[in-house]
Amino acid sequence: MKESKQPIDFEKKINELEKIVKNMEEGSLNLEDSLKFFEDGIKITRECQQALKDAELKVEMLTMGSGKLEAFEPEDN
């Protein structure tokens, strides 16, 4: 049985990503902090990409079939 995962707060994640970009663009971070921000940014980007992919699949299922979503399960990555 597949465990249902919690949907992400997309807008919150995008705001976090914007803060990371702003901090990195300032250029005042040391290498270790820059790498940590970069790692966090990549993680957030992947979460957002997956959320968009799941939303696209959901829309596809709604528009192509009977409009039912009972078989829809977001992908785990």
PDB file of N, CA and C in Angstrom:
ATOM      1  N   MET A   1       0.838  -1.182   0.000  1.00  0.00           N
ATOM      2  CA  MET A   1       0.000   0.000   0.000  1.00  0.00           C
ATOM      3  C   MET A   1       0.882   1.244   0.000  1.00  0.00           C
ATOM      4  N   LYS A   2       0.584   2.176  -0.879  1.00  0.00           N
ATOM      5  CA  LYS A   2       1.371   3.389  -1.031  1.00  0.00           C
ATOM      6  C   LYS A   2       0.999   4.403   0.051  1.00  0.00           C
ATOM      7  N   GLU A   3       2.017   4.970   0.685  1.00  0.00           N
ATOM      8  CA  GLU A   3       1.780   5.978   1.712  1.00  0.00           C
ATOM      9  C   GLU A   3       1.490   7.308   1.046  1.00  0.00           C
ATOM     10  N   SER A   4       0.402   7.962   1.452  1.00  0.00           N
ATOM     11  CA  SER A   4       0.040   9.253   0.888  1.00  0.00           C
ATOM     12  C   SER A   4       0.939  10.339   1.472  1.00  0.00           C
ATOM     13  N   LYS A   5       1.545  11.124   0.595  1.00  0.00           N
ATOM     14  CA  LYS A   5       2.428  12.171   1.101  1.00  0.00           C
ATOM     15  C   LYS A   5       1.677  13.497   1.153  1.00  0.00           C
ATOM     16  N   GLN A   6       2.125  14.358   2.049  1.00  0.00           N
ATOM     17  CA  GLN A   6       1.508  15.662   2.211  1.00  0.00           C
ATOM     18  C   GLN A   6       1.871  16.554   1.023  1.00  0.00           C
ATOM     19  N   PRO A   7       0.895  17.293   0.488  1.00  0.00           N
ATOM     20  CA  PRO A   7       1.230  18.230  -0.584  1.00  0.00           C
ATOM     21  C   PRO A   7       2.076  19.369  -0.025  1.00  0.00           C
ATOM     22  N   ILE A   8       2.953  19.894  -0.867  1.00  0.00           N
ATOM     23  CA  ILE A   8       3.793  21.004  -0.413  1.00  0.00           C
ATOM     24  C   ILE A   8       3.021  22.306  -0.558  1.00  0.00           C
ATOM     25  N   ASP A   9       3.406  23.298   0.210  1.00  0.00           N
ATOM     26  CA  ASP A   9       2.873  24.647   0.066  1.00  0.00           C
ATOM     27  C   ASP A   9       3.729  25.320  -1.011  1.00  0.00           C
ATOM     28  N   PHE A  10       3.236  25.268  -2.234  1.00  0.00           N
ATOM     29  CA  PHE A  10       4.012  25.695  -3.399  1.00  0.00           C
ATOM     30  C   PHE A  10       4.489  27.144  -3.266  1.00  0.00           C
ATOM     31  N   GLU A  11       3.591  28.040  -2.889  1.00  0.00           N
ATOM     32  CA  GLU A  11       3.951  29.454  -2.779  1.00  0.00           C
ATOM     33  C   GLU A  11       5.017  29.660  -1.705  1.00  0.00           C
ATOM     34  N   LYS A  12       4.893  28.941  -0.593  1.00  0.00           N
ATOM     35  CA  LYS A  12       5.890  29.049   0.477  1.00  0.00           C
ATOM     36  C   LYS A  12       7.261  28.596  -0.025  1.00  0.00           C
ATOM     37  N   LYS A  13       7.281  27.491  -0.774  1.00  0.00           N
ATOM     38  CA  LYS A  13       8.545  26.973  -1.307  1.00  0.00           C
ATOM     39  C   LYS A  13       9.174  27.947  -2.305  1.00  0.00           C
ATOM     40  N   ILE A  14       8.349  28.561  -3.128  1.00  0.00           N
ATOM     41  CA  ILE A  14       8.860  29.540  -4.097  1.00  0.00           C
ATOM     42  C   ILE A  14       9.453  30.738  -3.354  1.00  0.00           C
ATOM     43  N   ASN A  15       8.803  31.183  -2.279  1.00  0.00           N
ATOM     44  CA  ASN A  15       9.340  32.286  -1.478  1.00  0.00           C
ATOM     45  C   ASN A  15      10.679  31.908  -0.849  1.00  0.00           C
ATOM     46  N   GLU A  16      10.784  30.673  -0.350  1.00  0.00           N
ATOM     47  CA  GLU A  16      12.048  30.196   0.220  1.00  0.00           C
ATOM     48  C   GLU A  16      13.146  30.213  -0.838  1.00  0.00           C
ATOM     49  N   LEU A  17      12.792  29.759  -2.028  1.00  0.00           N
ATOM     50  CA  LEU A  17      13.757  29.727  -3.125  1.00  0.00           C
ATOM     51  C   LEU A  17      14.216  31.134  -3.498  1.00  0.00           C
ATOM     52  N   GLU A  18      13.297  32.089  -3.513  1.00  0.00           N
ATOM     53  CA  GLU A  18      13.654  33.474  -3.816  1.00  0.00           C
ATOM     54  C   GLU A  18      14.615  34.033  -2.770  1.00  0.00           C
ATOM     55  N   LYS A  19      14.403  33.693  -1.499  1.00  0.00           N
ATOM     56  CA  LYS A  19      15.306  34.152  -0.438  1.00  0.00           C
ATOM     57  C   LYS A  19      16.703  33.557  -0.623  1.00  0.00           C
ATOM     58  N   ILE A  20      16.747  32.291  -1.000  1.00  0.00           N
ATOM     59  CA  ILE A  20      18.038  31.630  -1.227  1.00  0.00           C
ATOM     60  C   ILE A  20      18.783  32.320  -2.365  1.00  0.00           C
ATOM     61  N   VAL A  21      18.083  32.579  -3.451  1.00  0.00           N
ATOM     62  CA  VAL A  21      18.704  33.239  -4.603  1.00  0.00           C
ATOM     63  C   VAL A  21      19.214  34.623  -4.207  1.00  0.00           C
ATOM     64  N   LYS A  22      18.404  35.365  -3.465  1.00  0.00           N
ATOM     65  CA  LYS A  22      18.804  36.705  -3.036  1.00  0.00           C
ATOM     66  C   LYS A  22      20.083  36.641  -2.186  1.00  0.00           C
ATOM     67  N   ASN A  23      20.113  35.716  -1.232  1.00  0.00           N
ATOM     68  CA  ASN A  23      21.305  35.568  -0.379  1.00  0.00           C
ATOM     69  C   ASN A  23      22.540  35.215  -1.190  1.00  0.00           C
ATOM     70  N   MET A  24      22.374  34.336  -2.156  1.00  0.00           N
ATOM     71  CA  MET A  24      23.519  33.917  -2.963  1.00  0.00           C
ATOM     72  C   MET A  24      23.982  35.034  -3.900  1.00  0.00           C
ATOM     73  N   GLU A  25      23.042  35.828  -4.407  1.00  0.00           N
ATOM     74  CA  GLU A  25      23.403  36.913  -5.317  1.00  0.00           C
ATOM     75  C   GLU A  25      24.161  38.038  -4.613  1.00  0.00           C
ATOM     76  N   GLU A  26      23.946  38.184  -3.304  1.00  0.00           N
ATOM     77  CA  GLU A  26      24.643  39.224  -2.562  1.00  0.00           C
ATOM     78  C   GLU A  26      26.150  38.985  -2.558  1.00  0.00           C
ATOM     79  N   GLY A  27      26.555  37.724  -2.658  1.00  0.00           N
ATOM     80  CA  GLY A  27      27.967  37.394  -2.761  1.00  0.00           C
ATOM     81  C   GLY A  27      28.764  37.502  -1.476  1.00  0.00           C
ATOM     82  N   SER A  28      28.084  37.606  -0.337  1.00  0.00           N
ATOM     83  CA  SER A  28      28.805  37.764   0.925  1.00  0.00           C
ATOM     84  C   SER A  28      28.921  36.455   1.716  1.00  0.00           C
ATOM     85  N   LEU A  29      28.458  35.352   1.141  1.00  0.00           N
ATOM     86  CA  LEU A  29      28.502  34.060   1.829  1.00  0.00           C
ATOM     87  C   LEU A  29      29.857  33.389   1.639  1.00  0.00           C
ATOM     88  N   ASN A  30      30.276  32.647   2.655  1.00  0.00           N
ATOM     89  CA  ASN A  30      31.494  31.854   2.478  1.00  0.00           C
ATOM     90  C   ASN A  30      31.137  30.603   1.670  1.00  0.00           C
ATOM     91  N   LEU A  31      32.118  29.845   1.292  1.00  0.00           N
ATOM     92  CA  LEU A  31      31.915  28.685   0.431  1.00  0.00           C
ATOM     93  C   LEU A  31      30.972  27.667   1.071  1.00  0.00           C
ATOM     94  N   GLU A  32      31.176  27.382   2.345  1.00  0.00           N
ATOM     95  CA  GLU A  32      30.347  26.386   3.029  1.00  0.00           C
ATOM     96  C   GLU A  32      28.878  26.808   3.041  1.00  0.00           C
ATOM     97  N   ASP A  33      28.610  28.075   3.362  1.00  0.00           N
ATOM     98  CA  ASP A  33      27.231  28.566   3.381  1.00  0.00           C
ATOM     99  C   ASP A  33      26.632  28.586   1.970  1.00  0.00           C
ATOM    100  N   SER A  34      27.449  28.959   0.983  1.00  0.00           N
ATOM    101  CA  SER A  34      26.977  28.960  -0.408  1.00  0.00           C
ATOM    102  C   SER A  34      26.555  27.562  -0.843  1.00  0.00           C
ATOM    103  N   LEU A  35      27.364  26.572  -0.494  1.00  0.00           N
ATOM    104  CA  LEU A  35      27.023  25.191  -0.858  1.00  0.00           C
ATOM    105  C   LEU A  35      25.749  24.722  -0.163  1.00  0.00           C
ATOM    106  N   LYS A  36      25.569  25.119   1.101  1.00  0.00           N
ATOM    107  CA  LYS A  36      24.368  24.747   1.837  1.00  0.00           C
ATOM    108  C   LYS A  36      23.139  25.385   1.198  1.00  0.00           C
ATOM    109  N   PHE A  37      23.229  26.674   0.864  1.00  0.00           N
ATOM    110  CA  PHE A  37      22.106  27.345   0.195  1.00  0.00           C
ATOM    111  C   PHE A  37      21.817  26.702  -1.151  1.00  0.00           C
ATOM    112  N   PHE A  38      22.877  26.371  -1.893  1.00  0.00           N
ATOM    113  CA  PHE A  38      22.700  25.733  -3.195  1.00  0.00           C
ATOM    114  C   PHE A  38      21.989  24.390  -3.043  1.00  0.00           C
ATOM    115  N   GLU A  39      22.421  23.595  -2.074  1.00  0.00           N
ATOM    116  CA  GLU A  39      21.807  22.295  -1.817  1.00  0.00           C
ATOM    117  C   GLU A  39      20.324  22.458  -1.459  1.00  0.00           C
ATOM    118  N   ASP A  40      20.023  23.405  -0.590  1.00  0.00           N
ATOM    119  CA  ASP A  40      18.631  23.660  -0.211  1.00  0.00           C
ATOM    120  C   ASP A  40      17.812  24.104  -1.422  1.00  0.00           C
ATOM    121  N   GLY A  41      18.397  24.950  -2.257  1.00  0.00           N
ATOM    122  CA  GLY A  41      17.709  25.428  -3.454  1.00  0.00           C
ATOM    123  C   GLY A  41      17.385  24.309  -4.425  1.00  0.00           C
ATOM    124  N   ILE A  42      18.325  23.393  -4.606  1.00  0.00           N
ATOM    125  CA  ILE A  42      18.093  22.250  -5.498  1.00  0.00           C
ATOM    126  C   ILE A  42      16.957  21.379  -4.954  1.00  0.00           C
ATOM    127  N   LYS A  43      16.967  21.143  -3.640  1.00  0.00           N
ATOM    128  CA  LYS A  43      15.916  20.324  -3.016  1.00  0.00           C
ATOM    129  C   LYS A  43      14.538  20.968  -3.217  1.00  0.00           C
ATOM    130  N   ILE A  44      14.453  22.259  -2.965  1.00  0.00           N
ATOM    131  CA  ILE A  44      13.185  22.968  -3.123  1.00  0.00           C
ATOM    132  C   ILE A  44      12.739  22.950  -4.581  1.00  0.00           C
ATOM    133  N   THR A  45      13.672  23.161  -5.499  1.00  0.00           N
ATOM    134  CA  THR A  45      13.347  23.139  -6.929  1.00  0.00           C
ATOM    135  C   THR A  45      12.758  21.792  -7.332  1.00  0.00           C
ATOM    136  N   ARG A  46      13.352  20.707  -6.860  1.00  0.00           N
ATOM    137  CA  ARG A  46      12.845  19.370  -7.188  1.00  0.00           C
ATOM    138  C   ARG A  46      11.446  19.138  -6.600  1.00  0.00           C
ATOM    139  N   GLU A  47      11.233  19.607  -5.374  1.00  0.00           N
ATOM    140  CA  GLU A  47       9.911  19.465  -4.763  1.00  0.00           C
ATOM    141  C   GLU A  47       8.860  20.231  -5.576  1.00  0.00           C
ATOM    142  N   CYS A  48       9.198  21.433  -6.014  1.00  0.00           N
ATOM    143  CA  CYS A  48       8.268  22.237  -6.804  1.00  0.00           C
ATOM    144  C   CYS A  48       8.011  21.612  -8.172  1.00  0.00           C
ATOM    145  N   GLN A  49       9.063  21.091  -8.798  1.00  0.00           N
ATOM    146  CA  GLN A  49       8.885  20.430 -10.092  1.00  0.00           C
ATOM    147  C   GLN A  49       7.961  19.229  -9.968  1.00  0.00           C
ATOM    148  N   GLN A  50       8.112  18.455  -8.887  1.00  0.00           N
ATOM    149  CA  GLN A  50       7.261  17.293  -8.680  1.00  0.00           C
ATOM    150  C   GLN A  50       5.815  17.721  -8.424  1.00  0.00           C
ATOM    151  N   ALA A  51       5.631  18.791  -7.658  1.00  0.00           N
ATOM    152  CA  ALA A  51       4.282  19.290  -7.388  1.00  0.00           C
ATOM    153  C   ALA A  51       3.607  19.736  -8.686  1.00  0.00           C
ATOM    154  N   LEU A  52       4.369  20.389  -9.562  1.00  0.00           N
ATOM    155  CA  LEU A  52       3.817  20.811 -10.854  1.00  0.00           C
ATOM    156  C   LEU A  52       3.482  19.610 -11.733  1.00  0.00           C
ATOM    157  N   LYS A  53       4.346  18.611 -11.710  1.00  0.00           N
ATOM    158  CA  LYS A  53       4.104  17.396 -12.487  1.00  0.00           C
ATOM    159  C   LYS A  53       2.831  16.690 -11.992  1.00  0.00           C
ATOM    160  N   ASP A  54       2.687  16.604 -10.666  1.00  0.00           N
ATOM    161  CA  ASP A  54       1.496  15.980 -10.083  1.00  0.00           C
ATOM    162  C   ASP A  54       0.227  16.748 -10.446  1.00  0.00           C
ATOM    163  N   ALA A  55       0.304  18.083 -10.412  1.00  0.00           N
ATOM    164  CA  ALA A  55      -0.844  18.912 -10.765  1.00  0.00           C
ATOM    165  C   ALA A  55      -1.208  18.730 -12.239  1.00  0.00           C
ATOM    166  N   GLU A  56      -0.193  18.656 -13.086  1.00  0.00           N
ATOM    167  CA  GLU A  56      -0.436  18.451 -14.517  1.00  0.00           C
ATOM    168  C   GLU A  56      -1.122  17.102 -14.762  1.00  0.00           C
ATOM    169  N   LEU A  57      -0.664  16.071 -14.080  1.00  0.00           N
ATOM    170  CA  LEU A  57      -1.270  14.748 -14.217  1.00  0.00           C
ATOM    171  C   LEU A  57      -2.713  14.763 -13.730  1.00  0.00           C
ATOM    172  N   LYS A  58      -2.961  15.445 -12.656  1.00  0.00           N
ATOM    173  CA  LYS A  58      -4.306  15.544 -12.098  1.00  0.00           C
ATOM    174  C   LYS A  58      -5.254  16.238 -13.089  1.00  0.00           C
ATOM    175  N   VAL A  59      -4.793  17.334 -13.685  1.00  0.00           N
ATOM    176  CA  VAL A  59      -5.593  18.060 -14.678  1.00  0.00           C
ATOM    177  C   VAL A  59      -5.854  17.172 -15.885  1.00  0.00           C
ATOM    178  N   GLU A  60      -4.822  16.466 -16.323  1.00  0.00           N
ATOM    179  CA  GLU A  60      -4.963  15.552 -17.459  1.00  0.00           C
ATOM    180  C   GLU A  60      -6.030  14.493 -17.183  1.00  0.00           C
ATOM    181  N   MET A  61      -5.981  13.932 -15.989  1.00  0.00           N
ATOM    182  CA  MET A  61      -6.950  12.902 -15.624  1.00  0.00           C
ATOM    183  C   MET A  61      -8.359  13.471 -15.577  1.00  0.00           C
ATOM    184  N   LEU A  62      -8.509  14.678 -15.100  1.00  0.00           N
ATOM    185  CA  LEU A  62      -9.825  15.301 -15.015  1.00  0.00           C
ATOM    186  C   LEU A  62     -10.395  15.638 -16.386  1.00  0.00           C
ATOM    187  N   THR A  63      -9.539  16.050 -17.298  1.00  0.00           N
ATOM    188  CA  THR A  63     -10.031  16.491 -18.606  1.00  0.00           C
ATOM    189  C   THR A  63     -10.166  15.359 -19.621  1.00  0.00           C
ATOM    190  N   MET A  64      -9.530  14.212 -19.383  1.00  0.00           N
ATOM    191  CA  MET A  64      -9.547  13.141 -20.372  1.00  0.00           C
ATOM    192  C   MET A  64     -10.487  11.996 -20.030  1.00  0.00           C
ATOM    193  N   GLY A  65     -10.892  11.899 -18.825  1.00  0.00           N
ATOM    194  CA  GLY A  65     -11.691  10.745 -18.433  1.00  0.00           C
ATOM    195  C   GLY A  65     -13.048  11.148 -17.937  1.00  0.00           C
ATOM    196  N   SER A  66     -13.484  10.415 -16.965  1.00  0.00           N
ATOM    197  CA  SER A  66     -14.806  10.640 -16.409  1.00  0.00           C
ATOM    198  C   SER A  66     -14.814  11.794 -15.415  1.00  0.00           C
ATOM    199  N   GLY A  67     -13.646  12.383 -15.189  1.00  0.00           N
ATOM    200  CA  GLY A  67     -13.558  13.462 -14.226  1.00  0.00           C
ATOM    201  C   GLY A  67     -13.325  12.976 -12.816  1.00  0.00           C
ATOM    202  N   LYS A  68     -13.060  11.671 -12.680  1.00  0.00           N
ATOM    203  CA  LYS A  68     -12.837  11.101 -11.357  1.00  0.00           C
ATOM    204  C   LYS A  68     -11.350  10.965 -11.101  1.00  0.00           C
ATOM    205  N   LEU A  69     -10.975  11.125  -9.843  1.00  0.00           N
ATOM    206  CA  LEU A  69      -9.566  11.071  -9.462  1.00  0.00           C
ATOM    207  C   LEU A  69      -9.257   9.967  -8.481  1.00  0.00           C
ATOM    208  N   GLU A  70     -10.161   9.024  -8.276  1.00  0.00           N
ATOM    209  CA  GLU A  70      -9.904   8.039  -7.226  1.00  0.00           C
ATOM    210  C   GLU A  70      -8.638   7.231  -7.439  1.00  0.00           C
ATOM    211  N   ALA A  71      -8.165   7.112  -8.671  1.00  0.00           N
ATOM    212  CA  ALA A  71      -6.956   6.324  -8.933  1.00  0.00           C
ATOM    213  C   ALA A  71      -5.690   7.194  -8.868  1.00  0.00           C
ATOM    214  N   PHE A  72      -5.831   8.485  -8.663  1.00  0.00           N
ATOM    215  CA  PHE A  72      -4.669   9.376  -8.689  1.00  0.00           C
ATOM    216  C   PHE A  72      -3.868   9.261  -7.396  1.00  0.00           C
ATOM    217  N   GLU A  73      -2.581   9.024  -7.541  1.00  0.00           N
ATOM    218  CA  GLU A  73      -1.629   9.019  -6.424  1.00  0.00           C
ATOM    219  C   GLU A  73      -0.393   9.777  -6.887  1.00  0.00           C
ATOM    220  N   PRO A  74      -0.026  10.861  -6.193  1.00  0.00           N
ATOM    221  CA  PRO A  74       1.204  11.576  -6.575  1.00  0.00           C
ATOM    222  C   PRO A  74       2.411  10.649  -6.513  1.00  0.00           C
ATOM    223  N   GLU A  75       3.374  10.924  -7.398  1.00  0.00           N
ATOM    224  CA  GLU A  75       4.603  10.114  -7.425  1.00  0.00           C
ATOM    225  C   GLU A  75       5.447  10.405  -6.216  1.00  0.00           C
ATOM    226  N   ASP A  76       6.146   9.379  -5.731  1.00  0.00           N
ATOM    227  CA  ASP A  76       7.130   9.556  -4.656  1.00  0.00           C
ATOM    228  C   ASP A  76       8.499   9.659  -5.278  1.00  0.00           C
ATOM    229  N   ASN A  77       9.245  10.690  -4.940  1.00  0.00           N
ATOM    230  CA  ASN A  77      10.628  10.850  -5.427  1.00  0.00           C
ATOM    231  C   ASN A  77      11.523  11.148  -4.300  1.00  0.00           C
TER     232      ASN A  77
END
